[in-house]
Structure formats: structure tokens, C-alpha cells
Amino acid sequence: MEQFEFNYPAKRKIPKRAHVGVVGSGDLEVLLEPIDSPTASVRIRTSVDGFKTTWKAVLDRFFGRYDGAVHIEINDAGATPGAVSLRLQQAVEASES
């Protein structure tokens, strides 16, 4: 099991928390919480070792489009990069609706 954190610049406030997905075989959950900070933070707990570079690439792409001031917790059980991107987008939509 690995755990790591990333930080990204943030510009705008987000109205509410969001929780999407479920930790299970081949899936993940994303917990998104608004914060009052110029920096968004992401903490990842994953059962699959050796993919920090892949996680960083997925998150770099996501935060290249997203500028919310949030703390994101990701609990992963082997999700693909596509599933991670989908869950992140679902969390954003849930927090902004």
C-alpha cells in the first residue's frame, strides 16, 4: 500500500463537500472538501504500489482544467486512470450543483 500527497494552485471557492465512488475491487472513492486556501491538496491511499508517476500525470491533467480550493482524499483499490478522471469529475459536479 502506498500513500502520497500533491498540491496545486487554487483560485476559487467551492460551495460544498462531495463523496463519489466506493472502495472496492478495481474502484475508488473520492472525498472532496472545500478549503480556504490558495492551494488545493490531494491525498491518495492506494493498494497498488509503483504508480506515483501515473497518479501525478492524471492529477496534473485534472488540475490543468480545475482551479477549485479543495482538499481531495482518494482511497483507491486499483482503479484505472480513466476511472480516476471520471470520479474526480463526478466529485466536482456534485460539489458545484
PDB file of N, CA and C in Angstrom:
ATOM      1  N   MET A   1       0.851  -1.178   0.000  1.00  0.00           N
ATOM      2  CA  MET A   1       0.000   0.000   0.000  1.00  0.00           C
ATOM      3  C   MET A   1       0.889   1.231   0.000  1.00  0.00           C
ATOM      4  N   GLU A   2       0.531   2.216  -0.819  1.00  0.00           N
ATOM      5  CA  GLU A   2       1.257   3.481  -0.880  1.00  0.00           C
ATOM      6  C   GLU A   2       0.330   4.628  -0.513  1.00  0.00           C
ATOM      7  N   GLN A   3       0.955   5.703  -0.058  1.00  0.00           N
ATOM      8  CA  GLN A   3       0.216   6.914   0.283  1.00  0.00           C
ATOM      9  C   GLN A   3       1.090   8.098  -0.112  1.00  0.00           C
ATOM     10  N   PHE A   4       0.513   9.072  -0.795  1.00  0.00           N
ATOM     11  CA  PHE A   4       1.258  10.267  -1.150  1.00  0.00           C
ATOM     12  C   PHE A   4       0.327  11.458  -1.319  1.00  0.00           C
ATOM     13  N   GLU A   5       0.951  12.656  -1.397  1.00  0.00           N
ATOM     14  CA  GLU A   5       0.185  13.895  -1.495  1.00  0.00           C
ATOM     15  C   GLU A   5       0.725  14.766  -2.619  1.00  0.00           C
ATOM     16  N   PHE A   6      -0.177  15.549  -3.210  1.00  0.00           N
ATOM     17  CA  PHE A   6       0.171  16.522  -4.238  1.00  0.00           C
ATOM     18  C   PHE A   6      -0.545  17.828  -3.920  1.00  0.00           C
ATOM     19  N   ASN A   7       0.032  18.954  -4.359  1.00  0.00           N
ATOM     20  CA  ASN A   7      -0.581  20.269  -4.179  1.00  0.00           C
ATOM     21  C   ASN A   7      -0.630  21.004  -5.512  1.00  0.00           C
ATOM     22  N   TYR A   8      -1.679  21.813  -5.681  1.00  0.00           N
ATOM     23  CA  TYR A   8      -1.891  22.565  -6.919  1.00  0.00           C
ATOM     24  C   TYR A   8      -2.426  23.950  -6.580  1.00  0.00           C
ATOM     25  N   PRO A   9      -2.154  24.948  -7.429  1.00  0.00           N
ATOM     26  CA  PRO A   9      -2.715  26.284  -7.193  1.00  0.00           C
ATOM     27  C   PRO A   9      -4.240  26.259  -7.285  1.00  0.00           C
ATOM     28  N   ALA A  10      -4.884  27.071  -6.453  1.00  0.00           N
ATOM     29  CA  ALA A  10      -6.350  27.158  -6.448  1.00  0.00           C
ATOM     30  C   ALA A  10      -6.747  28.628  -6.505  1.00  0.00           C
ATOM     31  N   LYS A  11      -7.867  28.898  -7.185  1.00  0.00           N
ATOM     32  CA  LYS A  11      -8.303  30.283  -7.349  1.00  0.00           C
ATOM     33  C   LYS A  11      -9.691  30.576  -6.812  1.00  0.00           C
ATOM     34  N   ARG A  12     -10.581  29.574  -6.809  1.00  0.00           N
ATOM     35  CA  ARG A  12     -11.964  29.895  -6.465  1.00  0.00           C
ATOM     36  C   ARG A  12     -12.516  28.972  -5.396  1.00  0.00           C
ATOM     37  N   LYS A  13     -13.481  29.519  -4.670  1.00  0.00           N
ATOM     38  CA  LYS A  13     -14.135  28.759  -3.601  1.00  0.00           C
ATOM     39  C   LYS A  13     -15.152  27.780  -4.186  1.00  0.00           C
ATOM     40  N   ILE A  14     -15.316  26.694  -3.481  1.00  0.00           N
ATOM     41  CA  ILE A  14     -16.253  25.641  -3.866  1.00  0.00           C
ATOM     42  C   ILE A  14     -17.357  25.604  -2.818  1.00  0.00           C
ATOM     43  N   PRO A  15     -18.639  25.460  -3.232  1.00  0.00           N
ATOM     44  CA  PRO A  15     -19.750  25.589  -2.289  1.00  0.00           C
ATOM     45  C   PRO A  15     -19.935  24.465  -1.266  1.00  0.00           C
ATOM     46  N   LYS A  16     -19.641  23.217  -1.632  1.00  0.00           N
ATOM     47  CA  LYS A  16     -19.962  22.137  -0.688  1.00  0.00           C
ATOM     48  C   LYS A  16     -19.109  20.899  -0.906  1.00  0.00           C
ATOM     49  N   ARG A  17     -19.172  20.003   0.078  1.00  0.00           N
ATOM     50  CA  ARG A  17     -18.460  18.730   0.028  1.00  0.00           C
ATOM     51  C   ARG A  17     -19.090  17.799  -0.992  1.00  0.00           C
ATOM     52  N   ALA A  18     -18.295  16.781  -1.378  1.00  0.00           N
ATOM     53  CA  ALA A  18     -18.831  15.736  -2.253  1.00  0.00           C
ATOM     54  C   ALA A  18     -18.139  14.415  -1.925  1.00  0.00           C
ATOM     55  N   HIS A  19     -18.885  13.330  -2.124  1.00  0.00           N
ATOM     56  CA  HIS A  19     -18.365  11.975  -1.933  1.00  0.00           C
ATOM     57  C   HIS A  19     -18.899  11.134  -3.077  1.00  0.00           C
ATOM     58  N   VAL A  20     -17.998  10.586  -3.894  1.00  0.00           N
ATOM     59  CA  VAL A  20     -18.419   9.731  -5.006  1.00  0.00           C
ATOM     60  C   VAL A  20     -17.580   8.463  -5.011  1.00  0.00           C
ATOM     61  N   GLY A  21     -18.165   7.406  -5.534  1.00  0.00           N
ATOM     62  CA  GLY A  21     -17.472   6.139  -5.645  1.00  0.00           C
ATOM     63  C   GLY A  21     -17.478   5.370  -4.344  1.00  0.00           C
ATOM     64  N   VAL A  22     -16.925   4.175  -4.429  1.00  0.00           N
ATOM     65  CA  VAL A  22     -16.833   3.292  -3.269  1.00  0.00           C
ATOM     66  C   VAL A  22     -15.546   2.485  -3.414  1.00  0.00           C
ATOM     67  N   VAL A  23     -14.866   2.292  -2.304  1.00  0.00           N
ATOM     68  CA  VAL A  23     -13.654   1.479  -2.353  1.00  0.00           C
ATOM     69  C   VAL A  23     -14.086   0.033  -2.490  1.00  0.00           C
ATOM     70  N   GLY A  24     -13.623  -0.597  -3.501  1.00  0.00           N
ATOM     71  CA  GLY A  24     -13.940  -1.991  -3.756  1.00  0.00           C
ATOM     72  C   GLY A  24     -12.992  -2.503  -4.819  1.00  0.00           C
ATOM     73  N   SER A  25     -13.153  -3.706  -5.209  1.00  0.00           N
ATOM     74  CA  SER A  25     -12.270  -4.308  -6.190  1.00  0.00           C
ATOM     75  C   SER A  25     -12.254  -3.488  -7.475  1.00  0.00           C
ATOM     76  N   GLY A  26     -11.123  -2.910  -7.776  1.00  0.00           N
ATOM     77  CA  GLY A  26     -10.949  -2.169  -9.018  1.00  0.00           C
ATOM     78  C   GLY A  26     -11.612  -0.816  -9.049  1.00  0.00           C
ATOM     79  N   ASP A  27     -11.959  -0.234  -7.938  1.00  0.00           N
ATOM     80  CA  ASP A  27     -12.633   1.072  -7.933  1.00  0.00           C
ATOM     81  C   ASP A  27     -11.992   1.972  -6.882  1.00  0.00           C
ATOM     82  N   LEU A  28     -12.564   3.147  -6.699  1.00  0.00           N
ATOM     83  CA  LEU A  28     -12.049   4.082  -5.726  1.00  0.00           C
ATOM     84  C   LEU A  28     -13.136   5.018  -5.267  1.00  0.00           C
ATOM     85  N   GLU A  29     -12.879   5.702  -4.146  1.00  0.00           N
ATOM     86  CA  GLU A  29     -13.769   6.754  -3.690  1.00  0.00           C
ATOM     87  C   GLU A  29     -13.003   8.061  -3.678  1.00  0.00           C
ATOM     88  N   VAL A  30     -13.740   9.139  -3.948  1.00  0.00           N
ATOM     89  CA  VAL A  30     -13.182  10.485  -3.920  1.00  0.00           C
ATOM     90  C   VAL A  30     -14.009  11.300  -2.934  1.00  0.00           C
ATOM     91  N   LEU A  31     -13.328  11.885  -1.959  1.00  0.00           N
ATOM     92  CA  LEU A  31     -13.949  12.785  -0.994  1.00  0.00           C
ATOM     93  C   LEU A  31     -13.382  14.177  -1.263  1.00  0.00           C
ATOM     94  N   LEU A  32     -14.250  15.122  -1.574  1.00  0.00           N
ATOM     95  CA  LEU A  32     -13.832  16.476  -1.919  1.00  0.00           C
ATOM     96  C   LEU A  32     -14.388  17.434  -0.873  1.00  0.00           C
ATOM     97  N   GLU A  33     -13.506  18.240  -0.295  1.00  0.00           N
ATOM     98  CA  GLU A  33     -13.928  19.176   0.744  1.00  0.00           C
ATOM     99  C   GLU A  33     -13.409  20.576   0.426  1.00  0.00           C
ATOM    100  N   PRO A  34     -14.288  21.581   0.452  1.00  0.00           N
ATOM    101  CA  PRO A  34     -13.843  22.959   0.229  1.00  0.00           C
ATOM    102  C   PRO A  34     -12.888  23.404   1.341  1.00  0.00           C
ATOM    103  N   ILE A  35     -11.891  24.198   0.978  1.00  0.00           N
ATOM    104  CA  ILE A  35     -10.971  24.768   1.961  1.00  0.00           C
ATOM    105  C   ILE A  35     -10.753  26.240   1.631  1.00  0.00           C
ATOM    106  N   ASP A  36     -10.271  26.973   2.594  1.00  0.00           N
ATOM    107  CA  ASP A  36      -9.963  28.387   2.403  1.00  0.00           C
ATOM    108  C   ASP A  36      -8.449  28.511   2.273  1.00  0.00           C
ATOM    109  N   SER A  37      -7.952  28.296   1.057  1.00  0.00           N
ATOM    110  CA  SER A  37      -6.509  28.261   0.828  1.00  0.00           C
ATOM    111  C   SER A  37      -6.232  28.561  -0.641  1.00  0.00           C
ATOM    112  N   PRO A  38      -5.078  29.126  -0.943  1.00  0.00           N
ATOM    113  CA  PRO A  38      -4.703  29.324  -2.345  1.00  0.00           C
ATOM    114  C   PRO A  38      -4.100  28.067  -2.978  1.00  0.00           C
ATOM    115  N   THR A  39      -4.107  26.980  -2.220  1.00  0.00           N
ATOM    116  CA  THR A  39      -3.524  25.727  -2.702  1.00  0.00           C
ATOM    117  C   THR A  39      -4.486  24.568  -2.488  1.00  0.00           C
ATOM    118  N   ALA A  40      -4.794  23.852  -3.553  1.00  0.00           N
ATOM    119  CA  ALA A  40      -5.582  22.618  -3.454  1.00  0.00           C
ATOM    120  C   ALA A  40      -4.628  21.488  -3.059  1.00  0.00           C
ATOM    121  N   SER A  41      -5.126  20.541  -2.282  1.00  0.00           N
ATOM    122  CA  SER A  41      -4.295  19.402  -1.874  1.00  0.00           C
ATOM    123  C   SER A  41      -5.018  18.094  -2.165  1.00  0.00           C
ATOM    124  N   VAL A  42      -4.227  17.087  -2.462  1.00  0.00           N
ATOM    125  CA  VAL A  42      -4.765  15.756  -2.753  1.00  0.00           C
ATOM    126  C   VAL A  42      -3.953  14.740  -1.957  1.00  0.00           C
ATOM    127  N   ARG A  43      -4.649  13.881  -1.221  1.00  0.00           N
ATOM    128  CA  ARG A  43      -4.009  12.762  -0.518  1.00  0.00           C
ATOM    129  C   ARG A  43      -4.549  11.472  -1.113  1.00  0.00           C
ATOM    130  N   ILE A  44      -3.647  10.609  -1.505  1.00  0.00           N
ATOM    131  CA  ILE A  44      -4.024   9.344  -2.143  1.00  0.00           C
ATOM    132  C   ILE A  44      -3.548   8.193  -1.285  1.00  0.00           C
ATOM    133  N   ARG A  45      -4.459   7.244  -1.072  1.00  0.00           N
ATOM    134  CA  ARG A  45      -4.121   5.958  -0.451  1.00  0.00           C
ATOM    135  C   ARG A  45      -4.476   4.892  -1.487  1.00  0.00           C
ATOM    136  N   THR A  46      -3.479   4.138  -1.924  1.00  0.00           N
ATOM    137  CA  THR A  46      -3.731   3.150  -2.963  1.00  0.00           C
ATOM    138  C   THR A  46      -3.167   1.785  -2.579  1.00  0.00           C
ATOM    139  N   SER A  47      -3.881   0.765  -2.969  1.00  0.00           N
ATOM    140  CA  SER A  47      -3.438  -0.601  -2.701  1.00  0.00           C
ATOM    141  C   SER A  47      -2.440  -1.092  -3.745  1.00  0.00           C
ATOM    142  N   VAL A  48      -2.210  -0.291  -4.783  1.00  0.00           N
ATOM    143  CA  VAL A  48      -1.325  -0.688  -5.877  1.00  0.00           C
ATOM    144  C   VAL A  48      -0.035   0.129  -5.802  1.00  0.00           C
ATOM    145  N   ASP A  49       1.074  -0.518  -5.605  1.00  0.00           N
ATOM    146  CA  ASP A  49       2.359   0.166  -5.485  1.00  0.00           C
ATOM    147  C   ASP A  49       2.976   0.454  -6.853  1.00  0.00           C
ATOM    148  N   GLY A  50       3.796   1.534  -6.911  1.00  0.00           N
ATOM    149  CA  GLY A  50       4.599   1.805  -8.093  1.00  0.00           C
ATOM    150  C   GLY A  50       3.970   2.695  -9.154  1.00  0.00           C
ATOM    151  N   PHE A  51       2.872   3.383  -8.838  1.00  0.00           N
ATOM    152  CA  PHE A  51       2.202   4.182  -9.850  1.00  0.00           C
ATOM    153  C   PHE A  51       2.130   5.675  -9.513  1.00  0.00           C
ATOM    154  N   LYS A  52       3.058   6.164  -8.702  1.00  0.00           N
ATOM    155  CA  LYS A  52       3.036   7.577  -8.317  1.00  0.00           C
ATOM    156  C   LYS A  52       3.118   8.490  -9.544  1.00  0.00           C
ATOM    157  N   THR A  53       3.949   8.145 -10.511  1.00  0.00           N
ATOM    158  CA  THR A  53       4.089   8.958 -11.723  1.00  0.00           C
ATOM    159  C   THR A  53       2.773   9.009 -12.500  1.00  0.00           C
ATOM    160  N   THR A  54       2.081   7.899 -12.571  1.00  0.00           N
ATOM    161  CA  THR A  54       0.783   7.862 -13.259  1.00  0.00           C
ATOM    162  C   THR A  54      -0.237   8.710 -12.520  1.00  0.00           C
ATOM    163  N   TRP A  55      -0.278   8.606 -11.186  1.00  0.00           N
ATOM    164  CA  TRP A  55      -1.191   9.439 -10.396  1.00  0.00           C
ATOM    165  C   TRP A  55      -0.912  10.910 -10.641  1.00  0.00           C
ATOM    166  N   LYS A  56       0.366  11.280 -10.632  1.00  0.00           N
ATOM    167  CA  LYS A  56       0.726  12.684 -10.840  1.00  0.00           C
ATOM    168  C   LYS A  56       0.268  13.157 -12.215  1.00  0.00           C
ATOM    169  N   ALA A  57       0.435  12.351 -13.227  1.00  0.00           N
ATOM    170  CA  ALA A  57       0.012  12.738 -14.585  1.00  0.00           C
ATOM    171  C   ALA A  57      -1.501  12.954 -14.655  1.00  0.00           C
ATOM    172  N   VAL A  58      -2.270  12.062 -14.045  1.00  0.00           N
ATOM    173  CA  VAL A  58      -3.733  12.198 -14.037  1.00  0.00           C
ATOM    174  C   VAL A  58      -4.140  13.467 -13.290  1.00  0.00           C
ATOM    175  N   LEU A  59      -3.533  13.711 -12.137  1.00  0.00           N
ATOM    176  CA  LEU A  59      -3.879  14.894 -11.353  1.00  0.00           C
ATOM    177  C   LEU A  59      -3.388  16.181 -12.009  1.00  0.00           C
ATOM    178  N   ASP A  60      -2.223  16.155 -12.637  1.00  0.00           N
ATOM    179  CA  ASP A  60      -1.746  17.336 -13.379  1.00  0.00           C
ATOM    180  C   ASP A  60      -2.739  17.717 -14.469  1.00  0.00           C
ATOM    181  N   ARG A  61      -3.241  16.728 -15.186  1.00  0.00           N
ATOM    182  CA  ARG A  61      -4.222  16.982 -16.241  1.00  0.00           C
ATOM    183  C   ARG A  61      -5.522  17.541 -15.649  1.00  0.00           C
ATOM    184  N   PHE A  62      -5.993  16.945 -14.560  1.00  0.00           N
ATOM    185  CA  PHE A  62      -7.223  17.401 -13.908  1.00  0.00           C
ATOM    186  C   PHE A  62      -7.080  18.842 -13.431  1.00  0.00           C
ATOM    187  N   PHE A  63      -6.004  19.148 -12.705  1.00  0.00           N
ATOM    188  CA  PHE A  63      -5.835  20.494 -12.172  1.00  0.00           C
ATOM    189  C   PHE A  63      -5.386  21.495 -13.239  1.00  0.00           C
ATOM    190  N   GLY A  64      -5.057  21.038 -14.409  1.00  0.00           N
ATOM    191  CA  GLY A  64      -4.839  21.946 -15.539  1.00  0.00           C
ATOM    192  C   GLY A  64      -6.145  22.587 -15.982  1.00  0.00           C
ATOM    193  N   ARG A  65      -7.276  21.946 -15.660  1.00  0.00           N
ATOM    194  CA  ARG A  65      -8.607  22.454 -16.021  1.00  0.00           C
ATOM    195  C   ARG A  65      -9.405  22.926 -14.816  1.00  0.00           C
ATOM    196  N   TYR A  66      -9.037  22.474 -13.642  1.00  0.00           N
ATOM    197  CA  TYR A  66      -9.834  22.726 -12.436  1.00  0.00           C
ATOM    198  C   TYR A  66      -9.053  23.611 -11.473  1.00  0.00           C
ATOM    199  N   ASP A  67      -9.694  24.677 -10.966  1.00  0.00           N
ATOM    200  CA  ASP A  67      -8.983  25.633 -10.110  1.00  0.00           C
ATOM    201  C   ASP A  67      -9.660  25.822  -8.750  1.00  0.00           C
ATOM    202  N   GLY A  68     -10.407  24.828  -8.300  1.00  0.00           N
ATOM    203  CA  GLY A  68     -11.121  24.931  -7.028  1.00  0.00           C
ATOM    204  C   GLY A  68     -10.204  24.775  -5.820  1.00  0.00           C
ATOM    205  N   ALA A  69     -10.518  25.535  -4.769  1.00  0.00           N
ATOM    206  CA  ALA A  69      -9.790  25.441  -3.498  1.00  0.00           C
ATOM    207  C   ALA A  69     -10.396  24.287  -2.696  1.00  0.00           C
ATOM    208  N   VAL A  70      -9.778  23.124  -2.804  1.00  0.00           N
ATOM    209  CA  VAL A  70     -10.316  21.911  -2.202  1.00  0.00           C
ATOM    210  C   VAL A  70      -9.210  21.057  -1.597  1.00  0.00           C
ATOM    211  N   HIS A  71      -9.636  20.188  -0.691  1.00  0.00           N
ATOM    212  CA  HIS A  71      -8.793  19.076  -0.258  1.00  0.00           C
ATOM    213  C   HIS A  71      -9.498  17.825  -0.755  1.00  0.00           C
ATOM    214  N   ILE A  72      -8.778  16.983  -1.449  1.00  0.00           N
ATOM    215  CA  ILE A  72      -9.338  15.748  -2.001  1.00  0.00           C
ATOM    216  C   ILE A  72      -8.639  14.557  -1.354  1.00  0.00           C
ATOM    217  N   GLU A  73      -9.451  13.628  -0.873  1.00  0.00           N
ATOM    218  CA  GLU A  73      -8.963  12.342  -0.366  1.00  0.00           C
ATOM    219  C   GLU A  73      -9.380  11.285  -1.379  1.00  0.00           C
ATOM    220  N   ILE A  74      -8.425  10.495  -1.836  1.00  0.00           N
ATOM    221  CA  ILE A  74      -8.724   9.403  -2.758  1.00  0.00           C
ATOM    222  C   ILE A  74      -8.297   8.102  -2.093  1.00  0.00           C
ATOM    223  N   ASN A  75      -9.234   7.185  -1.994  1.00  0.00           N
ATOM    224  CA  ASN A  75      -8.972   5.842  -1.478  1.00  0.00           C
ATOM    225  C   ASN A  75      -9.163   4.878  -2.636  1.00  0.00           C
ATOM    226  N   ASP A  76      -8.063   4.267  -3.066  1.00  0.00           N
ATOM    227  CA  ASP A  76      -8.041   3.502  -4.305  1.00  0.00           C
ATOM    228  C   ASP A  76      -7.858   2.013  -4.058  1.00  0.00           C
ATOM    229  N   ALA A  77      -8.565   1.230  -4.869  1.00  0.00           N
ATOM    230  CA  ALA A  77      -8.411  -0.230  -4.821  1.00  0.00           C
ATOM    231  C   ALA A  77      -8.081  -0.771  -6.200  1.00  0.00           C
ATOM    232  N   GLY A  78      -7.266  -0.016  -6.949  1.00  0.00           N
ATOM    233  CA  GLY A  78      -6.809  -0.498  -8.254  1.00  0.00           C
ATOM    234  C   GLY A  78      -7.539   0.081  -9.447  1.00  0.00           C
ATOM    235  N   ALA A  79      -8.097   1.270  -9.325  1.00  0.00           N
ATOM    236  CA  ALA A  79      -8.824   1.893 -10.438  1.00  0.00           C
ATOM    237  C   ALA A  79      -7.870   2.302 -11.561  1.00  0.00           C
ATOM    238  N   THR A  80      -8.379   2.305 -12.777  1.00  0.00           N
ATOM    239  CA  THR A  80      -7.597   2.747 -13.931  1.00  0.00           C
ATOM    240  C   THR A  80      -7.554   4.278 -13.960  1.00  0.00           C
ATOM    241  N   PRO A  81      -6.603   4.868 -14.701  1.00  0.00           N
ATOM    242  CA  PRO A  81      -6.566   6.329 -14.823  1.00  0.00           C
ATOM    243  C   PRO A  81      -7.878   6.914 -15.355  1.00  0.00           C
ATOM    244  N   GLY A  82      -8.535   6.225 -16.251  1.00  0.00           N
ATOM    245  CA  GLY A  82      -9.825   6.697 -16.761  1.00  0.00           C
ATOM    246  C   GLY A  82     -10.888   6.753 -15.678  1.00  0.00           C
ATOM    247  N   ALA A  83     -10.912   5.744 -14.817  1.00  0.00           N
ATOM    248  CA  ALA A  83     -11.874   5.732 -13.708  1.00  0.00           C
ATOM    249  C   ALA A  83     -11.562   6.844 -12.713  1.00  0.00           C
ATOM    250  N   VAL A  84     -10.280   7.104 -12.476  1.00  0.00           N
ATOM    251  CA  VAL A  84      -9.893   8.189 -11.577  1.00  0.00           C
ATOM    252  C   VAL A  84     -10.386   9.524 -12.122  1.00  0.00           C
ATOM    253  N   SER A  85     -10.151   9.770 -13.395  1.00  0.00           N
ATOM    254  CA  SER A  85     -10.601  11.020 -14.027  1.00  0.00           C
ATOM    255  C   SER A  85     -12.115  11.161 -13.943  1.00  0.00           C
ATOM    256  N   LEU A  86     -12.831  10.096 -14.191  1.00  0.00           N
ATOM    257  CA  LEU A  86     -14.297  10.119 -14.117  1.00  0.00           C
ATOM    258  C   LEU A  86     -14.765  10.447 -12.704  1.00  0.00           C
ATOM    259  N   ARG A  87     -14.215   9.798 -11.697  1.00  0.00           N
ATOM    260  CA  ARG A  87     -14.618  10.051 -10.309  1.00  0.00           C
ATOM    261  C   ARG A  87     -14.283  11.486  -9.884  1.00  0.00           C
ATOM    262  N   LEU A  88     -13.133  12.005 -10.300  1.00  0.00           N
ATOM    263  CA  LEU A  88     -12.796  13.388  -9.979  1.00  0.00           C
ATOM    264  C   LEU A  88     -13.819  14.343 -10.575  1.00  0.00           C
ATOM    265  N   GLN A  89     -14.175  14.117 -11.834  1.00  0.00           N
ATOM    266  CA  GLN A  89     -15.161  14.986 -12.479  1.00  0.00           C
ATOM    267  C   GLN A  89     -16.525  14.860 -11.804  1.00  0.00           C
ATOM    268  N   GLN A  90     -16.910  13.654 -11.426  1.00  0.00           N
ATOM    269  CA  GLN A  90     -18.177  13.461 -10.715  1.00  0.00           C
ATOM    270  C   GLN A  90     -18.178  14.216  -9.381  1.00  0.00           C
ATOM    271  N   ALA A  91     -17.063  14.198  -8.673  1.00  0.00           N
ATOM    272  CA  ALA A  91     -16.977  14.907  -7.396  1.00  0.00           C
ATOM    273  C   ALA A  91     -17.120  16.414  -7.599  1.00  0.00           C
ATOM    274  N   VAL A  92     -16.480  16.934  -8.628  1.00  0.00           N
ATOM    275  CA  VAL A  92     -16.597  18.363  -8.938  1.00  0.00           C
ATOM    276  C   VAL A  92     -18.037  18.715  -9.249  1.00  0.00           C
ATOM    277  N   GLU A  93     -18.683  17.934 -10.091  1.00  0.00           N
ATOM    278  CA  GLU A  93     -20.088  18.207 -10.447  1.00  0.00           C
ATOM    279  C   GLU A  93     -20.987  18.143  -9.214  1.00  0.00           C
ATOM    280  N   ALA A  94     -20.747  17.168  -8.342  1.00  0.00           N
ATOM    281  CA  ALA A  94     -21.558  17.044  -7.131  1.00  0.00           C
ATOM    282  C   ALA A  94     -21.327  18.221  -6.186  1.00  0.00           C
ATOM    283  N   SER A  95     -20.129  18.714  -6.108  1.00  0.00           N
ATOM    284  CA  SER A  95     -19.836  19.818  -5.178  1.00  0.00           C
ATOM    285  C   SER A  95     -20.312  21.165  -5.697  1.00  0.00           C
ATOM    286  N   GLU A  96     -20.519  21.265  -6.998  1.00  0.00           N
ATOM    287  CA  GLU A  96     -20.895  22.543  -7.586  1.00  0.00           C
ATOM    288  C   GLU A  96     -22.368  22.598  -8.022  1.00  0.00           C
ATOM    289  N   SER A  97     -23.094  21.534  -7.777  1.00  0.00           N
ATOM    290  CA  SER A  97     -24.516  21.530  -8.190  1.00  0.00           C
ATOM    291  C   SER A  97     -25.426  21.949  -7.055  1.00  0.00           C
TER     292      SER A  97
END
